[in-house]
Amino acid sequence: MREKLESVAARFAEIEKALAMAPSDMEEYKRLMKERKELAPVCGEYAVYKKAEADLEEAKSIIASGDKEMLPLAEEEKEDAEKRLSASEEKLKELLLPKDENDDKNVIVEIRAGVGGDEAALFAASLYRMYSMYAAGKGFTIEPIYENATELGGYKEISFMLLGKGAYSRLKYESGGHRVQRVPETEAGGRIHTSTVTVAVLPEAEEVDFKIDPAEIQIDTFRSSGAGGQKVNKTESAIRVTHLPTGTVVECQDERSQYKNKEKALRVLRSKICEKLQSEADERLAETRRGQVGTGKRSEKIRTYNFPQDRVTDHRIGLTLYRIESFMNGDLDEMIDALSAAERLEKLKAEE
């Protein structure tokens, strides 16, 4: 760890020197400022570590000198320095963990009803509401992409974007199968039904991540679908984009403008292709990643929502919260923080 820290400190000094010379290339300046921001917390904590280390050595020196008058104070300083050194070391271990380069990106969320018919579609709508309320509380902006609504107010499928710094870092743990156990509104006998919904979460890919060749896409137009009412578009402004080499298909019908729908569909298509390519690479390179928090496949059951027992259980970390109403109203931070902590712990174990 010491070698890593010295390397980071040396690089930080290089960046400070380069910035002091005021680089004329604006792109280079932005890159340096971004790198400086990433390294600053490590360098700051390393200074705390070295101060605690120096204090510990000084206390040990006084104790070794046999100065009886200073001994009680030195013993106290030694204990305090050891505690500070240990705490700082743990912080540095976390700060040195590899960062997910997608964490600060916008996010694309797709929710699909699974087993359970109308009840699954209604729960898909409940999850959309839950994520919308969570996003509002975090200051993220919601941009709808596509919806396939049912007559009862549910969704067979709905997709949307969350725009805001750190959106992916908070929502990435939601990918997978969500199971609900409750008495449906459509059930006259009061029996508890079990239904499933799948959620996919993708970081928005930038154009530099993957450039789409116009010759490799097929674009079709169609009329917006829906359960009826004023929101259904009577013109063929909805867009379906197919990436021919991978067979990836994206539909967008939120905007009235065909051009805007096309633009948004291409953003989603780029992200889907990047996720597909990254997923294939992960499968080839690291079989063990399948068991890590945050890499759940859509088919895996990650969470159960049991309404009669007022509980939400995340099966990846074994955490159960007994407050389903507030959870469904967007109070997700306790669960997300626990998942994030579990992921950090896995990374720390892997580094040992």
Protein backbone atom coordinates (compact mmCIF):
# COMPACT_ATOMS: atom_id res chain seq x y z
CA MET A 1 0.00 0.00 0.00
CA ARG A 2 2.87 2.36 0.81
CA GLU A 3 4.21 2.00 -2.73
CA LYS A 4 0.79 2.84 -4.19
CA LEU A 5 0.44 5.87 -1.93
CA GLU A 6 3.85 7.23 -2.82
CA SER A 7 3.02 6.78 -6.51
CA VAL A 8 -0.27 8.68 -6.07
CA ALA A 9 1.48 11.47 -4.15
CA ALA A 10 4.13 11.78 -6.87
CA ARG A 11 1.49 11.93 -9.60
CA PHE A 12 -0.49 14.54 -7.64
CA ALA A 13 2.64 16.71 -7.40
CA GLU A 14 3.16 16.38 -11.16
CA ILE A 15 -0.42 17.51 -11.82
CA GLU A 16 -0.07 20.48 -9.46
CA LYS A 17 3.08 21.53 -11.30
CA ALA A 18 1.41 21.17 -14.71
CA LEU A 19 -1.64 23.18 -13.61
CA ALA A 20 0.59 25.93 -12.20
CA MET A 21 1.96 26.40 -15.72
CA ALA A 22 -1.62 27.05 -16.95
CA PRO A 23 -1.88 24.67 -19.96
CA SER A 24 -3.31 26.37 -23.05
CA ASP A 25 -5.04 23.20 -24.26
CA MET A 26 -8.48 23.34 -22.61
CA GLU A 27 -9.09 19.61 -23.02
CA GLU A 28 -5.77 18.84 -21.32
CA TYR A 29 -6.63 21.30 -18.53
CA LYS A 30 -9.99 19.58 -17.95
CA ARG A 31 -8.35 16.16 -17.93
CA LEU A 32 -5.77 17.28 -15.36
CA MET A 33 -8.40 18.89 -13.15
CA LYS A 34 -10.48 15.71 -13.25
CA GLU A 35 -7.47 13.57 -12.31
CA ARG A 36 -6.51 15.99 -9.55
CA LYS A 37 -10.02 15.78 -8.10
CA GLU A 38 -9.80 11.97 -8.06
CA LEU A 39 -6.38 11.89 -6.37
CA ALA A 40 -6.91 14.71 -3.84
CA PRO A 41 -8.85 12.62 -1.25
CA VAL A 42 -6.12 9.94 -1.28
CA CYS A 43 -3.33 12.51 -0.84
CA GLY A 44 -5.26 14.26 1.92
CA GLU A 45 -5.79 11.04 3.85
CA TYR A 46 -2.17 10.00 3.26
CA ALA A 47 -1.07 13.21 4.99
CA VAL A 48 -3.28 12.26 7.96
CA TYR A 49 -1.72 8.78 7.96
CA LYS A 50 1.85 10.12 7.92
CA LYS A 51 1.07 12.56 10.76
CA ALA A 52 -0.31 9.72 12.91
CA GLU A 53 2.73 7.61 12.00
CA ALA A 54 5.12 10.40 13.03
CA ASP A 55 3.24 10.97 16.30
CA LEU A 56 3.44 7.25 17.07
CA GLU A 57 7.19 7.15 16.48
CA GLU A 58 7.69 10.21 18.70
CA ALA A 59 5.66 8.66 21.51
CA LYS A 60 7.61 5.40 21.25
CA SER A 61 10.88 7.34 21.38
CA ILE A 62 9.84 9.13 24.59
CA ILE A 63 8.78 5.83 26.18
CA ALA A 64 12.08 4.24 25.20
CA SER A 65 14.02 7.15 26.72
CA GLY A 66 12.80 6.19 30.19
CA ASP A 67 11.64 9.72 31.06
CA LYS A 68 9.29 8.91 33.97
CA GLU A 69 7.80 12.40 34.02
CA MET A 70 6.76 12.22 30.34
CA LEU A 71 5.81 8.51 30.40
CA PRO A 72 2.05 8.85 31.19
CA LEU A 73 1.60 11.49 28.47
CA ALA A 74 3.63 9.47 25.97
CA GLU A 75 1.60 6.31 26.68
CA GLU A 76 -1.60 8.26 26.07
CA GLU A 77 -0.22 9.76 22.85
CA LYS A 78 0.93 6.31 21.68
CA GLU A 79 -2.57 4.85 22.14
CA ASP A 80 -4.22 7.79 20.39
CA ALA A 81 -1.75 7.67 17.46
CA GLU A 82 -2.29 3.92 17.01
CA LYS A 83 -6.06 4.43 16.80
CA ARG A 84 -5.67 7.26 14.27
CA LEU A 85 -3.18 5.24 12.24
CA SER A 86 -5.50 2.21 12.10
CA ALA A 87 -8.55 4.31 11.13
CA SER A 88 -6.57 6.15 8.45
CA GLU A 89 -5.23 2.89 7.04
CA GLU A 90 -8.77 1.54 6.60
CA LYS A 91 -9.85 4.76 4.83
CA LEU A 92 -6.85 4.57 2.53
CA LYS A 93 -7.63 0.96 1.62
CA GLU A 94 -11.10 2.04 0.49
CA LEU A 95 -9.82 5.12 -1.33
CA LEU A 96 -7.32 3.00 -3.26
CA LEU A 97 -9.96 0.58 -4.48
CA PRO A 98 -10.52 0.71 -8.27
CA LYS A 99 -13.36 3.07 -9.13
CA ASP A 100 -16.26 2.15 -11.39
CA GLU A 101 -15.72 4.49 -14.34
CA ASN A 102 -19.48 4.54 -14.98
CA ASP A 103 -20.51 5.74 -11.50
CA ASP A 104 -20.94 9.41 -12.43
CA LYS A 105 -22.90 8.70 -15.63
CA ASN A 106 -26.58 9.10 -16.38
CA VAL A 107 -28.56 5.88 -16.22
CA ILE A 108 -31.09 4.07 -18.40
CA VAL A 109 -33.65 1.94 -16.54
CA GLU A 110 -35.89 -0.67 -18.17
CA ILE A 111 -38.71 -2.30 -16.19
CA ARG A 112 -40.57 -5.32 -17.62
CA ALA A 113 -43.49 -7.27 -16.18
CA GLY A 114 -42.67 -10.96 -15.78
CA VAL A 115 -44.77 -13.77 -14.33
CA GLY A 116 -48.11 -12.67 -12.93
CA GLY A 117 -50.12 -11.05 -15.73
CA ASP A 118 -51.95 -7.86 -14.73
CA GLU A 119 -50.54 -7.95 -11.20
CA ALA A 120 -46.96 -8.04 -12.54
CA ALA A 121 -47.75 -5.07 -14.79
CA LEU A 122 -49.21 -3.15 -11.83
CA PHE A 123 -46.09 -3.86 -9.78
CA ALA A 124 -43.94 -2.65 -12.69
CA ALA A 125 -45.86 0.64 -12.38
CA SER A 126 -45.21 0.62 -8.61
CA LEU A 127 -41.46 0.23 -9.20
CA TYR A 128 -41.50 3.04 -11.75
CA ARG A 129 -43.19 5.27 -9.18
CA MET A 130 -40.66 4.17 -6.52
CA TYR A 131 -37.65 5.02 -8.70
CA SER A 132 -39.27 8.30 -9.79
CA MET A 133 -39.73 9.38 -6.17
CA TYR A 134 -36.18 8.33 -5.29
CA ALA A 135 -34.82 10.27 -8.28
CA ALA A 136 -36.79 13.39 -7.30
CA GLY A 137 -35.33 13.23 -3.80
CA LYS A 138 -31.80 13.01 -5.24
CA GLY A 139 -32.30 15.85 -7.71
CA PHE A 140 -32.08 13.59 -10.76
CA THR A 141 -34.07 14.49 -13.87
CA ILE A 142 -36.38 11.84 -15.38
CA GLU A 143 -36.74 11.49 -19.16
CA PRO A 144 -39.29 8.87 -20.33
CA ILE A 145 -38.25 6.73 -23.32
CA TYR A 146 -40.87 4.08 -23.98
CA GLU A 147 -43.96 2.63 -22.34
CA ASN A 148 -46.38 -0.18 -23.06
CA ALA A 149 -49.25 0.48 -20.68
CA THR A 150 -52.18 -1.77 -19.72
CA GLU A 151 -55.84 -0.87 -19.29
CA LEU A 152 -55.54 -1.23 -15.50
CA GLY A 153 -52.75 1.35 -15.21
CA GLY A 154 -49.80 -1.03 -15.17
CA TYR A 155 -46.91 -1.43 -17.57
CA LYS A 156 -45.90 -4.47 -19.58
CA GLU A 157 -42.72 -2.49 -20.18
CA ILE A 158 -41.45 0.98 -19.37
CA SER A 159 -38.04 2.56 -19.87
CA PHE A 160 -36.65 5.94 -18.84
CA MET A 161 -33.44 7.85 -18.24
CA LEU A 162 -32.26 9.41 -14.98
CA LEU A 163 -29.98 12.36 -15.60
CA GLY A 164 -27.63 13.54 -12.86
CA LYS A 165 -24.11 13.11 -11.52
CA GLY A 166 -23.83 9.80 -9.71
CA ALA A 167 -27.14 8.39 -10.98
CA TYR A 168 -25.55 5.09 -12.04
CA SER A 169 -23.62 4.72 -8.77
CA ARG A 170 -26.94 4.69 -6.87
CA LEU A 171 -29.16 2.68 -9.24
CA LYS A 172 -26.71 0.06 -10.54
CA TYR A 173 -27.64 -2.40 -7.77
CA GLU A 174 -31.26 -2.58 -8.99
CA SER A 175 -30.58 -4.85 -11.98
CA GLY A 176 -32.25 -8.24 -11.62
CA GLY A 177 -35.52 -9.92 -10.73
CA HIS A 178 -37.89 -8.25 -8.25
CA ARG A 179 -40.55 -10.49 -6.67
CA VAL A 180 -43.73 -9.16 -5.07
CA GLN A 181 -46.05 -11.02 -2.68
CA ARG A 182 -49.34 -9.23 -2.02
CA VAL A 183 -53.09 -9.40 -2.43
CA PRO A 184 -53.83 -7.92 -5.88
CA GLU A 185 -56.49 -5.27 -6.29
CA THR A 186 -58.02 -7.55 -8.91
CA GLU A 187 -58.28 -10.49 -6.44
CA ALA A 188 -61.73 -10.77 -4.86
CA GLY A 189 -60.86 -13.72 -2.61
CA GLY A 190 -58.06 -11.96 -0.75
CA ARG A 191 -55.42 -14.52 -1.69
CA ILE A 192 -51.75 -13.58 -1.78
CA HIS A 193 -50.23 -13.73 -5.25
CA THR A 194 -46.57 -13.89 -6.21
CA SER A 195 -45.51 -11.95 -9.30
CA THR A 196 -42.18 -10.95 -10.81
CA VAL A 197 -40.74 -7.92 -12.57
CA THR A 198 -37.29 -7.58 -14.14
CA VAL A 199 -35.22 -4.41 -13.96
CA ALA A 200 -32.22 -3.59 -16.16
CA VAL A 201 -29.95 -0.65 -15.35
CA LEU A 202 -27.43 0.62 -17.92
CA PRO A 203 -24.96 3.51 -17.73
CA GLU A 204 -25.49 5.94 -20.59
CA ALA A 205 -22.68 5.48 -23.11
CA GLU A 206 -21.07 8.51 -24.68
CA GLU A 207 -20.38 8.75 -28.40
CA VAL A 208 -16.66 8.22 -27.74
CA ASP A 209 -17.50 4.89 -26.03
CA PHE A 210 -19.11 3.44 -29.15
CA LYS A 211 -19.70 5.08 -32.51
CA ILE A 212 -22.72 3.82 -34.42
CA ASP A 213 -22.26 3.36 -38.17
CA PRO A 214 -25.42 4.71 -39.90
CA ALA A 215 -25.08 1.95 -42.50
CA GLU A 216 -25.50 -0.68 -39.77
CA ILE A 217 -28.86 0.51 -38.42
CA GLN A 218 -32.43 0.10 -39.64
CA ILE A 219 -34.98 2.74 -38.64
CA ASP A 220 -38.74 2.11 -38.67
CA THR A 221 -41.52 4.53 -37.69
CA PHE A 222 -44.85 3.66 -36.09
CA ARG A 223 -47.64 5.19 -34.06
CA SER A 224 -47.29 5.42 -30.30
CA SER A 225 -49.07 2.68 -28.41
CA GLY A 226 -50.78 2.94 -25.06
CA ALA A 227 -53.88 2.27 -23.07
CA GLY A 228 -55.71 5.12 -24.76
CA GLY A 229 -56.50 8.75 -23.96
CA GLN A 230 -54.94 12.04 -24.96
CA LYS A 231 -51.33 10.85 -24.60
CA VAL A 232 -51.55 8.46 -27.55
CA ASN A 233 -49.86 10.06 -30.55
CA LYS A 234 -51.92 9.85 -33.75
CA THR A 235 -48.89 10.44 -36.03
CA GLU A 236 -46.09 8.03 -36.84
CA SER A 237 -43.48 9.79 -34.69
CA ALA A 238 -42.47 6.73 -32.63
CA ILE A 239 -39.13 5.23 -33.66
CA ARG A 240 -37.76 1.70 -33.72
CA VAL A 241 -33.99 1.43 -34.30
CA THR A 242 -32.35 -1.93 -35.01
CA HIS A 243 -28.58 -2.40 -34.90
CA LEU A 244 -28.15 -5.05 -37.58
CA PRO A 245 -24.77 -6.56 -36.52
CA THR A 246 -25.93 -7.29 -32.94
CA GLY A 247 -29.70 -7.49 -33.43
CA THR A 248 -30.19 -4.90 -30.65
CA VAL A 249 -33.58 -3.15 -30.89
CA VAL A 250 -34.66 0.11 -29.20
CA GLU A 251 -38.04 1.81 -29.36
CA CYS A 252 -38.76 5.41 -28.35
CA GLN A 253 -42.17 7.06 -28.40
CA ASP A 254 -41.99 9.73 -25.72
CA GLU A 255 -41.43 12.78 -27.91
CA ARG A 256 -43.88 14.23 -30.44
CA SER A 257 -40.99 14.87 -32.79
CA GLN A 258 -39.70 11.97 -34.88
CA TYR A 259 -36.23 13.56 -34.87
CA LYS A 260 -36.14 13.81 -31.06
CA ASN A 261 -37.30 10.22 -30.70
CA LYS A 262 -34.58 9.10 -33.10
CA GLU A 263 -31.93 11.05 -31.19
CA LYS A 264 -33.00 9.54 -27.86
CA ALA A 265 -33.29 6.03 -29.32
CA LEU A 266 -29.71 6.24 -30.61
CA ARG A 267 -28.50 7.26 -27.13
CA VAL A 268 -30.16 4.20 -25.64
CA LEU A 269 -28.95 1.94 -28.48
CA ARG A 270 -25.35 3.04 -27.93
CA SER A 271 -25.64 2.26 -24.21
CA LYS A 272 -27.19 -1.17 -24.84
CA ILE A 273 -24.46 -2.17 -27.27
CA CYS A 274 -21.73 -1.01 -24.88
CA GLU A 275 -23.34 -2.95 -22.04
CA LYS A 276 -23.60 -6.04 -24.24
CA LEU A 277 -19.93 -5.83 -25.28
CA GLN A 278 -18.82 -5.20 -21.68
CA SER A 279 -20.94 -8.09 -20.41
CA GLU A 280 -19.41 -10.45 -22.95
CA ALA A 281 -15.91 -9.29 -21.95
CA ASP A 282 -16.71 -9.80 -18.27
CA GLU A 283 -17.92 -13.33 -18.93
CA ARG A 284 -14.68 -14.15 -20.69
CA LEU A 285 -12.34 -12.48 -18.22
CA ALA A 286 -13.82 -13.05 -14.78
CA GLU A 287 -16.14 -15.94 -14.00
CA THR A 288 -16.10 -14.97 -10.32
CA ARG A 289 -17.76 -11.61 -11.00
CA ARG A 290 -21.10 -13.37 -11.28
CA GLY A 291 -21.23 -13.69 -7.50
CA GLN A 292 -20.41 -10.07 -6.75
CA VAL A 293 -22.92 -7.46 -5.61
CA GLY A 294 -24.08 -5.25 -8.45
CA THR A 295 -23.55 -7.71 -11.29
CA GLY A 296 -26.89 -9.51 -11.04
CA LYS A 297 -28.42 -10.73 -14.27
CA ARG A 298 -32.01 -9.91 -15.12
CA SER A 299 -33.05 -13.52 -14.50
CA GLU A 300 -31.69 -13.55 -10.92
CA LYS A 301 -34.10 -12.87 -8.07
CA ILE A 302 -32.44 -10.08 -6.13
CA ARG A 303 -35.27 -8.78 -3.93
CA THR A 304 -38.65 -9.74 -2.47
CA TYR A 305 -41.38 -7.26 -1.53
CA ASN A 306 -43.79 -8.93 0.93
CA PHE A 307 -46.68 -6.56 1.62
CA PRO A 308 -48.62 -8.65 4.21
CA GLN A 309 -45.46 -8.89 6.37
CA ASP A 310 -44.41 -5.27 5.70
CA ARG A 311 -40.92 -6.33 4.61
CA VAL A 312 -38.43 -5.88 1.78
CA THR A 313 -35.60 -8.42 1.59
CA ASP A 314 -32.51 -8.14 -0.58
CA HIS A 315 -31.28 -11.69 -1.15
CA ARG A 316 -27.74 -10.73 -2.19
CA ILE A 317 -26.79 -9.35 1.21
CA GLY A 318 -29.56 -10.87 3.37
CA LEU A 319 -30.88 -7.46 4.49
CA THR A 320 -34.56 -7.17 5.47
CA LEU A 321 -36.28 -3.83 6.12
CA TYR A 322 -39.68 -3.76 7.84
CA ARG A 323 -41.05 -0.57 6.29
CA ILE A 324 -42.35 -1.41 2.86
CA GLU A 325 -44.54 1.69 2.50
CA SER A 326 -41.68 4.18 2.90
CA PHE A 327 -39.48 1.99 0.68
CA MET A 328 -42.07 2.03 -2.11
CA ASN A 329 -42.25 5.82 -1.64
CA GLY A 330 -38.61 6.12 -2.69
CA ASP A 331 -36.77 5.78 0.64
CA LEU A 332 -34.09 3.47 -0.80
CA ASP A 333 -30.88 4.91 0.65
CA GLU A 334 -30.50 2.47 3.54
CA MET A 335 -30.71 -0.49 1.15
CA ILE A 336 -28.48 1.09 -1.50
CA ASP A 337 -25.87 2.13 1.10
CA ALA A 338 -25.78 -1.45 2.43
CA LEU A 339 -25.31 -2.85 -1.09
CA SER A 340 -22.55 -0.33 -1.76
CA ALA A 341 -20.80 -1.27 1.49
CA ALA A 342 -21.04 -4.98 0.58
CA GLU A 343 -19.50 -4.29 -2.82
CA ARG A 344 -16.61 -2.38 -1.20
CA LEU A 345 -16.05 -5.28 1.19
CA GLU A 346 -15.88 -7.73 -1.73
CA LYS A 347 -13.33 -5.50 -3.45
CA LEU A 348 -11.26 -5.23 -0.27
CA LYS A 349 -11.22 -9.03 0.07
CA ALA A 350 -10.15 -9.36 -3.55
CA GLU A 351 -7.26 -6.95 -2.94
CA GLU A 352 -5.92 -8.94 0.03
